[in-house]
Amino acid sequence: MIHSKDIDPHFKFLITKEPGGENITKCFSCGTCTAGCPVREITDRYNPRKIIRMALLGMKKEVLSSQFIWLCSSCYTCYERCPQDVRIPELMNAIKNIAAREGYIPSAMKIQIELLSAFGRLLEITEFENEKRKEFGLPLIQGRTEEVKKILKELGLKHEEERGPA
């Protein structure tokens, strides 16, 4: 049950201001997006029609905190079939961007941020990998992370240990 105090009537307008979210208010819940969605065939947790409906109703916290917004595979099947040109993959990216800005980041992405902060990439390059690269005539990879840390800091995505006490 959702209480009226938990509804944000301006949420849909926040989405329309985000690149990719401009057409959310065109949706009239025909269900074409859900019928052709390959992710929907695998899991009932992902339902583009339901996500859009919840967003239009102002269920901001439920939409942004849910794990299902991150399941869109951006296959564009829904985009090609939508009679209202809602552009659902782009809409999902807009919602994800808002969620990330507001701190609703899935645990897998938090781990990726930690890896980027620690190694400057998603995988640690050790001496073993550099030896193999040398054998193949490839340049050695240096473990430079300062540039990546600057970018993460600028984006507000610093590594948890760097944030300090809450």
N, C-alpha and C. Protein backbone atom coordinates (compact mmCIF):
# COMPACT_ATOMS: atom_id res chain seq x y z
N MET A 1 0.84 -1.17 0.00
CA MET A 1 0.00 0.00 0.00
C MET A 1 0.89 1.24 0.00
N ILE A 2 0.55 2.18 -0.84
CA ILE A 2 1.30 3.43 -0.95
C ILE A 2 0.47 4.55 -0.32
N HIS A 3 1.12 5.30 0.55
CA HIS A 3 0.46 6.44 1.17
C HIS A 3 0.64 7.67 0.31
N SER A 4 -0.34 8.56 0.35
CA SER A 4 -0.29 9.76 -0.48
C SER A 4 0.93 10.63 -0.15
N LYS A 5 1.43 10.56 1.08
CA LYS A 5 2.61 11.36 1.44
C LYS A 5 3.87 10.84 0.75
N ASP A 6 3.83 9.59 0.26
CA ASP A 6 4.97 9.00 -0.42
C ASP A 6 4.94 9.25 -1.93
N ILE A 7 3.93 9.92 -2.42
CA ILE A 7 3.78 10.19 -3.84
C ILE A 7 4.42 11.53 -4.17
N ASP A 8 5.21 11.56 -5.24
CA ASP A 8 5.82 12.79 -5.72
C ASP A 8 5.20 13.13 -7.07
N PRO A 9 4.24 14.04 -7.10
CA PRO A 9 3.55 14.34 -8.37
C PRO A 9 4.46 15.00 -9.41
N HIS A 10 5.62 15.45 -8.99
CA HIS A 10 6.55 16.11 -9.91
C HIS A 10 7.59 15.16 -10.50
N PHE A 11 7.55 13.90 -10.07
CA PHE A 11 8.54 12.93 -10.52
C PHE A 11 8.54 12.79 -12.04
N LYS A 12 7.38 12.72 -12.66
CA LYS A 12 7.32 12.56 -14.11
C LYS A 12 7.95 13.76 -14.82
N PHE A 13 7.84 14.95 -14.21
CA PHE A 13 8.42 16.14 -14.82
C PHE A 13 9.94 16.14 -14.65
N LEU A 14 10.41 15.57 -13.56
CA LEU A 14 11.85 15.40 -13.35
C LEU A 14 12.40 14.47 -14.44
N ILE A 15 11.67 13.43 -14.73
CA ILE A 15 12.09 12.48 -15.78
C ILE A 15 12.08 13.16 -17.15
N THR A 16 11.06 13.97 -17.44
CA THR A 16 10.99 14.62 -18.75
C THR A 16 12.13 15.61 -18.97
N LYS A 17 12.71 16.12 -17.91
CA LYS A 17 13.84 17.05 -18.03
C LYS A 17 15.16 16.32 -18.27
N GLU A 18 15.17 15.03 -18.01
CA GLU A 18 16.37 14.22 -18.19
C GLU A 18 16.46 13.78 -19.66
N PRO A 19 17.64 13.89 -20.29
CA PRO A 19 17.76 13.42 -21.69
C PRO A 19 17.32 11.96 -21.81
N GLY A 20 16.40 11.72 -22.74
CA GLY A 20 15.85 10.39 -22.95
C GLY A 20 14.49 10.20 -22.30
N GLY A 21 14.14 11.05 -21.36
CA GLY A 21 12.88 10.90 -20.64
C GLY A 21 11.77 11.80 -21.13
N GLU A 22 12.04 12.53 -22.19
CA GLU A 22 11.10 13.55 -22.68
C GLU A 22 9.71 13.01 -23.02
N ASN A 23 9.63 11.76 -23.46
CA ASN A 23 8.36 11.23 -23.98
C ASN A 23 7.58 10.37 -22.99
N ILE A 24 7.96 10.36 -21.73
CA ILE A 24 7.28 9.48 -20.77
C ILE A 24 5.79 9.77 -20.67
N THR A 25 5.41 11.02 -20.76
CA THR A 25 3.99 11.37 -20.61
C THR A 25 3.16 10.98 -21.82
N LYS A 26 3.79 10.56 -22.91
CA LYS A 26 3.06 10.09 -24.08
C LYS A 26 2.51 8.68 -23.89
N CYS A 27 3.06 7.94 -22.93
CA CYS A 27 2.67 6.55 -22.73
C CYS A 27 1.22 6.45 -22.25
N PHE A 28 0.45 5.59 -22.89
CA PHE A 28 -0.92 5.35 -22.44
C PHE A 28 -1.12 3.90 -22.02
N SER A 29 -0.03 3.22 -21.64
CA SER A 29 -0.05 1.87 -21.07
C SER A 29 -0.70 0.83 -21.99
N CYS A 30 -0.34 0.86 -23.26
CA CYS A 30 -0.91 -0.12 -24.19
C CYS A 30 -0.33 -1.52 -23.96
N GLY A 31 0.91 -1.60 -23.42
CA GLY A 31 1.52 -2.88 -23.14
C GLY A 31 2.35 -3.46 -24.27
N THR A 32 2.45 -2.76 -25.38
CA THR A 32 3.24 -3.26 -26.51
C THR A 32 4.70 -3.45 -26.10
N CYS A 33 5.21 -2.57 -25.27
CA CYS A 33 6.61 -2.66 -24.83
C CYS A 33 6.85 -3.93 -24.02
N THR A 34 5.91 -4.28 -23.19
CA THR A 34 6.05 -5.45 -22.34
C THR A 34 5.89 -6.73 -23.15
N ALA A 35 4.98 -6.72 -24.12
CA ALA A 35 4.71 -7.92 -24.92
C ALA A 35 5.92 -8.37 -25.72
N GLY A 36 6.74 -7.43 -26.19
CA GLY A 36 7.88 -7.81 -27.02
C GLY A 36 9.21 -7.83 -26.30
N CYS A 37 9.21 -7.57 -25.01
CA CYS A 37 10.47 -7.44 -24.27
C CYS A 37 11.12 -8.80 -23.99
N PRO A 38 12.36 -9.01 -24.46
CA PRO A 38 13.02 -10.29 -24.20
C PRO A 38 13.39 -10.47 -22.72
N VAL A 39 13.67 -9.39 -22.02
CA VAL A 39 13.98 -9.50 -20.59
C VAL A 39 12.73 -9.93 -19.84
N ARG A 40 11.60 -9.40 -20.22
CA ARG A 40 10.32 -9.76 -19.60
C ARG A 40 10.03 -11.25 -19.76
N GLU A 41 10.47 -11.83 -20.87
CA GLU A 41 10.26 -13.27 -21.08
C GLU A 41 11.07 -14.10 -20.09
N ILE A 42 12.19 -13.56 -19.64
CA ILE A 42 13.07 -14.28 -18.71
C ILE A 42 12.65 -14.08 -17.26
N THR A 43 12.26 -12.85 -16.93
CA THR A 43 11.88 -12.55 -15.54
C THR A 43 10.66 -11.63 -15.49
N ASP A 44 9.76 -11.96 -14.61
CA ASP A 44 8.56 -11.14 -14.42
C ASP A 44 8.88 -9.85 -13.66
N ARG A 45 10.08 -9.77 -13.09
CA ARG A 45 10.42 -8.58 -12.31
C ARG A 45 10.55 -7.34 -13.20
N TYR A 46 10.90 -7.53 -14.48
CA TYR A 46 11.05 -6.39 -15.38
C TYR A 46 9.80 -6.24 -16.22
N ASN A 47 9.15 -5.12 -16.07
CA ASN A 47 7.93 -4.83 -16.80
C ASN A 47 7.93 -3.34 -17.15
N PRO A 48 8.34 -2.98 -18.37
CA PRO A 48 8.43 -1.57 -18.72
C PRO A 48 7.13 -0.80 -18.52
N ARG A 49 6.02 -1.44 -18.86
CA ARG A 49 4.72 -0.78 -18.70
C ARG A 49 4.47 -0.43 -17.23
N LYS A 50 4.79 -1.34 -16.33
CA LYS A 50 4.59 -1.12 -14.90
C LYS A 50 5.53 -0.02 -14.38
N ILE A 51 6.78 -0.04 -14.84
CA ILE A 51 7.74 0.98 -14.41
C ILE A 51 7.26 2.36 -14.83
N ILE A 52 6.83 2.48 -16.08
CA ILE A 52 6.35 3.78 -16.58
C ILE A 52 5.12 4.22 -15.81
N ARG A 53 4.22 3.30 -15.57
CA ARG A 53 3.00 3.62 -14.81
C ARG A 53 3.33 4.12 -13.41
N MET A 54 4.25 3.42 -12.73
CA MET A 54 4.65 3.83 -11.39
C MET A 54 5.30 5.22 -11.41
N ALA A 55 6.11 5.47 -12.44
CA ALA A 55 6.76 6.78 -12.56
C ALA A 55 5.72 7.88 -12.80
N LEU A 56 4.76 7.61 -13.66
CA LEU A 56 3.72 8.60 -13.94
C LEU A 56 2.85 8.88 -12.72
N LEU A 57 2.67 7.86 -11.88
CA LEU A 57 1.86 8.03 -10.66
C LEU A 57 2.63 8.74 -9.55
N GLY A 58 3.94 8.92 -9.75
CA GLY A 58 4.73 9.63 -8.74
C GLY A 58 5.35 8.74 -7.69
N MET A 59 5.47 7.46 -7.97
CA MET A 59 6.05 6.52 -7.00
C MET A 59 7.58 6.56 -7.12
N LYS A 60 8.13 7.71 -6.84
CA LYS A 60 9.55 7.99 -7.06
C LYS A 60 10.46 7.02 -6.31
N LYS A 61 10.26 6.90 -5.02
CA LYS A 61 11.14 6.05 -4.22
C LYS A 61 11.07 4.59 -4.68
N GLU A 62 9.87 4.10 -4.96
CA GLU A 62 9.71 2.72 -5.39
C GLU A 62 10.42 2.46 -6.72
N VAL A 63 10.32 3.42 -7.63
CA VAL A 63 10.96 3.25 -8.94
C VAL A 63 12.48 3.35 -8.81
N LEU A 64 12.97 4.40 -8.17
CA LEU A 64 14.42 4.62 -8.10
C LEU A 64 15.15 3.59 -7.25
N SER A 65 14.51 3.09 -6.21
CA SER A 65 15.18 2.14 -5.32
C SER A 65 15.07 0.69 -5.79
N SER A 66 14.26 0.45 -6.81
CA SER A 66 14.06 -0.93 -7.26
C SER A 66 15.22 -1.39 -8.12
N GLN A 67 15.45 -2.68 -8.08
CA GLN A 67 16.50 -3.28 -8.90
C GLN A 67 16.03 -3.49 -10.34
N PHE A 68 14.72 -3.48 -10.58
CA PHE A 68 14.24 -3.82 -11.91
C PHE A 68 14.51 -2.76 -12.96
N ILE A 69 14.75 -1.51 -12.58
CA ILE A 69 15.04 -0.50 -13.60
C ILE A 69 16.38 -0.76 -14.28
N TRP A 70 17.25 -1.52 -13.63
CA TRP A 70 18.57 -1.79 -14.17
C TRP A 70 18.58 -3.01 -15.10
N LEU A 71 17.45 -3.65 -15.31
CA LEU A 71 17.41 -4.87 -16.10
C LEU A 71 17.23 -4.65 -17.60
N CYS A 72 16.88 -3.46 -18.03
CA CYS A 72 16.67 -3.20 -19.46
C CYS A 72 17.94 -3.53 -20.24
N SER A 73 17.79 -4.34 -21.28
CA SER A 73 18.95 -4.74 -22.09
C SER A 73 19.19 -3.80 -23.26
N SER A 74 18.37 -2.78 -23.41
CA SER A 74 18.48 -1.80 -24.51
C SER A 74 18.50 -2.48 -25.88
N CYS A 75 17.60 -3.45 -26.04
CA CYS A 75 17.51 -4.16 -27.31
C CYS A 75 16.72 -3.36 -28.35
N TYR A 76 15.96 -2.39 -27.91
CA TYR A 76 15.16 -1.49 -28.75
C TYR A 76 13.95 -2.15 -29.41
N THR A 77 13.58 -3.36 -28.98
CA THR A 77 12.37 -3.99 -29.49
C THR A 77 11.16 -3.15 -29.12
N CYS A 78 11.11 -2.71 -27.88
CA CYS A 78 9.98 -1.88 -27.42
C CYS A 78 9.95 -0.54 -28.15
N TYR A 79 11.12 0.01 -28.40
CA TYR A 79 11.23 1.29 -29.09
C TYR A 79 10.65 1.19 -30.50
N GLU A 80 10.98 0.10 -31.18
CA GLU A 80 10.51 -0.10 -32.55
C GLU A 80 9.01 -0.32 -32.61
N ARG A 81 8.42 -0.88 -31.56
CA ARG A 81 7.00 -1.24 -31.58
C ARG A 81 6.08 -0.21 -30.92
N CYS A 82 6.64 0.70 -30.15
CA CYS A 82 5.81 1.63 -29.39
C CYS A 82 5.05 2.58 -30.31
N PRO A 83 3.71 2.58 -30.23
CA PRO A 83 2.92 3.46 -31.10
C PRO A 83 3.00 4.93 -30.69
N GLN A 84 3.48 5.21 -29.50
CA GLN A 84 3.54 6.59 -29.01
C GLN A 84 4.96 7.17 -29.01
N ASP A 85 5.93 6.42 -29.53
CA ASP A 85 7.32 6.87 -29.60
C ASP A 85 7.88 7.28 -28.23
N VAL A 86 7.64 6.42 -27.23
CA VAL A 86 8.09 6.70 -25.88
C VAL A 86 9.61 6.51 -25.75
N ARG A 87 10.21 5.68 -26.58
CA ARG A 87 11.66 5.42 -26.56
C ARG A 87 12.10 4.86 -25.21
N ILE A 88 11.58 3.71 -24.90
CA ILE A 88 11.75 3.11 -23.58
C ILE A 88 13.20 2.85 -23.18
N PRO A 89 14.09 2.35 -24.04
CA PRO A 89 15.48 2.18 -23.59
C PRO A 89 16.10 3.50 -23.13
N GLU A 90 15.82 4.56 -23.85
CA GLU A 90 16.34 5.87 -23.46
C GLU A 90 15.66 6.37 -22.19
N LEU A 91 14.38 6.07 -22.05
CA LEU A 91 13.66 6.42 -20.84
C LEU A 91 14.24 5.69 -19.63
N MET A 92 14.54 4.41 -19.79
CA MET A 92 15.15 3.65 -18.69
C MET A 92 16.50 4.23 -18.31
N ASN A 93 17.27 4.66 -19.31
CA ASN A 93 18.56 5.30 -19.01
C ASN A 93 18.35 6.61 -18.24
N ALA A 94 17.33 7.36 -18.60
CA ALA A 94 17.04 8.60 -17.88
C ALA A 94 16.69 8.30 -16.42
N ILE A 95 15.87 7.29 -16.20
CA ILE A 95 15.50 6.91 -14.83
C ILE A 95 16.72 6.41 -14.07
N LYS A 96 17.57 5.63 -14.73
CA LYS A 96 18.81 5.14 -14.10
C LYS A 96 19.71 6.31 -13.71
N ASN A 97 19.81 7.30 -14.58
CA ASN A 97 20.64 8.47 -14.28
C ASN A 97 20.13 9.20 -13.04
N ILE A 98 18.83 9.36 -12.93
CA ILE A 98 18.25 10.00 -11.75
C ILE A 98 18.52 9.15 -10.52
N ALA A 99 18.33 7.84 -10.65
CA ALA A 99 18.57 6.93 -9.52
C ALA A 99 20.02 7.02 -9.05
N ALA A 100 20.95 7.02 -9.98
CA ALA A 100 22.37 7.09 -9.61
C ALA A 100 22.69 8.41 -8.91
N ARG A 101 22.16 9.50 -9.43
CA ARG A 101 22.39 10.82 -8.81
C ARG A 101 21.84 10.88 -7.39
N GLU A 102 20.75 10.17 -7.16
CA GLU A 102 20.12 10.21 -5.84
C GLU A 102 20.62 9.09 -4.93
N GLY A 103 21.64 8.37 -5.36
CA GLY A 103 22.30 7.38 -4.51
C GLY A 103 21.73 5.98 -4.57
N TYR A 104 20.85 5.71 -5.50
CA TYR A 104 20.28 4.36 -5.65
C TYR A 104 21.09 3.60 -6.70
N ILE A 105 22.25 3.11 -6.28
CA ILE A 105 23.14 2.41 -7.19
C ILE A 105 23.15 0.93 -6.82
N PRO A 106 22.95 0.03 -7.80
CA PRO A 106 22.98 -1.40 -7.48
C PRO A 106 24.35 -1.84 -6.97
N SER A 107 24.36 -2.89 -6.18
CA SER A 107 25.60 -3.35 -5.56
C SER A 107 26.67 -3.70 -6.60
N ALA A 108 26.29 -4.23 -7.75
CA ALA A 108 27.27 -4.57 -8.78
C ALA A 108 27.99 -3.32 -9.27
N MET A 109 27.28 -2.23 -9.40
CA MET A 109 27.91 -0.98 -9.82
C MET A 109 28.80 -0.41 -8.73
N LYS A 110 28.41 -0.58 -7.48
CA LYS A 110 29.26 -0.12 -6.38
C LYS A 110 30.59 -0.86 -6.39
N ILE A 111 30.53 -2.14 -6.68
CA ILE A 111 31.76 -2.93 -6.77
C ILE A 111 32.62 -2.44 -7.94
N GLN A 112 31.99 -2.11 -9.06
CA GLN A 112 32.74 -1.60 -10.20
C GLN A 112 33.40 -0.27 -9.87
N ILE A 113 32.71 0.59 -9.13
CA ILE A 113 33.30 1.87 -8.72
C ILE A 113 34.50 1.63 -7.82
N GLU A 114 34.38 0.67 -6.91
CA GLU A 114 35.51 0.33 -6.04
C GLU A 114 36.70 -0.16 -6.86
N LEU A 115 36.46 -1.01 -7.86
CA LEU A 115 37.53 -1.52 -8.70
C LEU A 115 38.17 -0.40 -9.51
N LEU A 116 37.35 0.49 -10.07
CA LEU A 116 37.88 1.62 -10.82
C LEU A 116 38.74 2.51 -9.95
N SER A 117 38.28 2.75 -8.74
CA SER A 117 39.02 3.59 -7.81
C SER A 117 40.34 2.94 -7.41
N ALA A 118 40.33 1.65 -7.19
CA ALA A 118 41.53 0.95 -6.73
C ALA A 118 42.54 0.70 -7.84
N PHE A 119 42.07 0.35 -9.05
CA PHE A 119 42.99 -0.08 -10.11
C PHE A 119 42.96 0.80 -11.35
N GLY A 120 42.01 1.72 -11.43
CA GLY A 120 41.89 2.54 -12.63
C GLY A 120 41.20 1.82 -13.77
N ARG A 121 40.77 0.62 -13.53
CA ARG A 121 40.06 -0.22 -14.51
C ARG A 121 39.28 -1.28 -13.73
N LEU A 122 38.51 -2.08 -14.43
CA LEU A 122 37.68 -3.07 -13.74
C LEU A 122 38.45 -4.33 -13.35
N LEU A 123 39.65 -4.48 -13.88
CA LEU A 123 40.48 -5.63 -13.52
C LEU A 123 41.85 -5.13 -13.08
N GLU A 124 42.40 -5.78 -12.08
CA GLU A 124 43.75 -5.44 -11.65
C GLU A 124 44.75 -6.01 -12.65
N ILE A 125 45.68 -5.19 -13.08
CA ILE A 125 46.74 -5.65 -13.96
C ILE A 125 47.97 -5.88 -13.09
N THR A 126 48.35 -7.15 -12.97
CA THR A 126 49.49 -7.50 -12.13
C THR A 126 50.74 -7.67 -13.01
N GLU A 127 51.86 -8.01 -12.37
CA GLU A 127 53.09 -8.26 -13.11
C GLU A 127 52.91 -9.43 -14.08
N PHE A 128 52.10 -10.41 -13.70
CA PHE A 128 51.86 -11.56 -14.57
C PHE A 128 51.25 -11.11 -15.90
N GLU A 129 50.21 -10.28 -15.84
CA GLU A 129 49.57 -9.81 -17.07
C GLU A 129 50.54 -8.98 -17.90
N ASN A 130 51.34 -8.13 -17.23
CA ASN A 130 52.29 -7.31 -17.97
C ASN A 130 53.40 -8.17 -18.60
N GLU A 131 53.80 -9.24 -17.93
CA GLU A 131 54.78 -10.16 -18.53
C GLU A 131 54.21 -10.78 -19.80
N LYS A 132 52.95 -11.20 -19.74
CA LYS A 132 52.30 -11.78 -20.92
C LYS A 132 52.20 -10.74 -22.04
N ARG A 133 51.89 -9.52 -21.68
CA ARG A 133 51.81 -8.45 -22.68
C ARG A 133 53.17 -8.23 -23.33
N LYS A 134 54.23 -8.28 -22.51
CA LYS A 134 55.59 -8.09 -23.04
C LYS A 134 55.93 -9.21 -24.02
N GLU A 135 55.54 -10.45 -23.71
CA GLU A 135 55.79 -11.59 -24.60
C GLU A 135 55.15 -11.41 -25.96
N PHE A 136 53.98 -10.75 -25.99
CA PHE A 136 53.26 -10.53 -27.24
C PHE A 136 53.61 -9.19 -27.90
N GLY A 137 54.57 -8.48 -27.32
CA GLY A 137 54.98 -7.21 -27.90
C GLY A 137 54.02 -6.07 -27.62
N LEU A 138 53.20 -6.23 -26.62
CA LEU A 138 52.23 -5.18 -26.26
C LEU A 138 52.83 -4.26 -25.20
N PRO A 139 52.41 -3.01 -25.16
CA PRO A 139 52.95 -2.10 -24.15
C PRO A 139 52.47 -2.51 -22.75
N LEU A 140 53.30 -2.23 -21.76
CA LEU A 140 52.94 -2.51 -20.38
C LEU A 140 51.85 -1.54 -19.93
N ILE A 141 51.01 -2.00 -19.03
CA ILE A 141 49.94 -1.16 -18.50
C ILE A 141 50.35 -0.71 -17.11
N GLN A 142 50.35 0.58 -16.92
CA GLN A 142 50.70 1.16 -15.63
C GLN A 142 49.45 1.26 -14.77
N GLY A 143 49.61 1.13 -13.48
CA GLY A 143 48.49 1.22 -12.55
C GLY A 143 48.23 2.65 -12.12
N ARG A 144 47.88 3.51 -13.07
CA ARG A 144 47.61 4.91 -12.76
C ARG A 144 46.13 5.08 -12.44
N THR A 145 45.85 5.52 -11.23
CA THR A 145 44.44 5.65 -10.83
C THR A 145 44.05 7.08 -10.49
N GLU A 146 45.00 7.99 -10.43
CA GLU A 146 44.68 9.35 -10.01
C GLU A 146 43.67 10.02 -10.93
N GLU A 147 43.82 9.83 -12.25
CA GLU A 147 42.88 10.43 -13.20
C GLU A 147 41.47 9.87 -13.00
N VAL A 148 41.41 8.56 -12.80
CA VAL A 148 40.11 7.91 -12.60
C VAL A 148 39.48 8.40 -11.30
N LYS A 149 40.29 8.51 -10.25
CA LYS A 149 39.77 9.01 -8.97
C LYS A 149 39.24 10.43 -9.09
N LYS A 150 39.90 11.26 -9.90
CA LYS A 150 39.42 12.63 -10.12
C LYS A 150 38.06 12.61 -10.81
N ILE A 151 37.93 11.75 -11.81
CA ILE A 151 36.66 11.65 -12.53
C ILE A 151 35.55 11.16 -11.60
N LEU A 152 35.84 10.11 -10.83
CA LEU A 152 34.84 9.58 -9.89
C LEU A 152 34.45 10.63 -8.86
N LYS A 153 35.42 11.38 -8.39
CA LYS A 153 35.14 12.43 -7.41
C LYS A 153 34.26 13.52 -8.03
N GLU A 154 34.59 13.91 -9.25
CA GLU A 154 33.81 14.94 -9.96
C GLU A 154 32.36 14.49 -10.18
N LEU A 155 32.19 13.18 -10.42
CA LEU A 155 30.84 12.63 -10.62
C LEU A 155 30.12 12.35 -9.31
N GLY A 156 30.82 12.51 -8.20
CA GLY A 156 30.20 12.20 -6.90
C GLY A 156 30.15 10.72 -6.62
N LEU A 157 31.04 9.96 -7.26
CA LEU A 157 31.04 8.50 -7.12
C LEU A 157 32.33 8.01 -6.49
N LYS A 158 32.77 8.68 -5.46
CA LYS A 158 34.01 8.27 -4.79
C LYS A 158 33.87 6.91 -4.16
N HIS A 159 34.99 6.23 -4.01
CA HIS A 159 35.06 4.94 -3.34
C HIS A 159 34.58 5.10 -1.91
N GLU A 160 33.88 4.10 -1.39
CA GLU A 160 33.29 4.17 -0.05
C GLU A 160 34.30 4.55 1.03
N GLU A 161 35.53 4.00 0.97
CA GLU A 161 36.52 4.27 1.99
C GLU A 161 36.96 5.73 1.97
N GLU A 162 36.88 6.39 0.79
CA GLU A 162 37.31 7.76 0.66
C GLU A 162 36.27 8.74 1.15
N ARG A 163 35.05 8.31 1.37
CA ARG A 163 33.98 9.20 1.77
C ARG A 163 34.09 9.63 3.23
N GLY A 164 34.75 8.82 4.02
CA GLY A 164 34.88 9.16 5.43
C GLY A 164 33.63 8.79 6.20
N PRO A 165 33.60 9.13 7.50
CA PRO A 165 32.44 8.77 8.32
C PRO A 165 31.19 9.52 7.90
N ALA A 166 30.07 8.84 8.01
CA ALA A 166 28.80 9.46 7.61
C ALA A 166 28.28 10.39 8.66
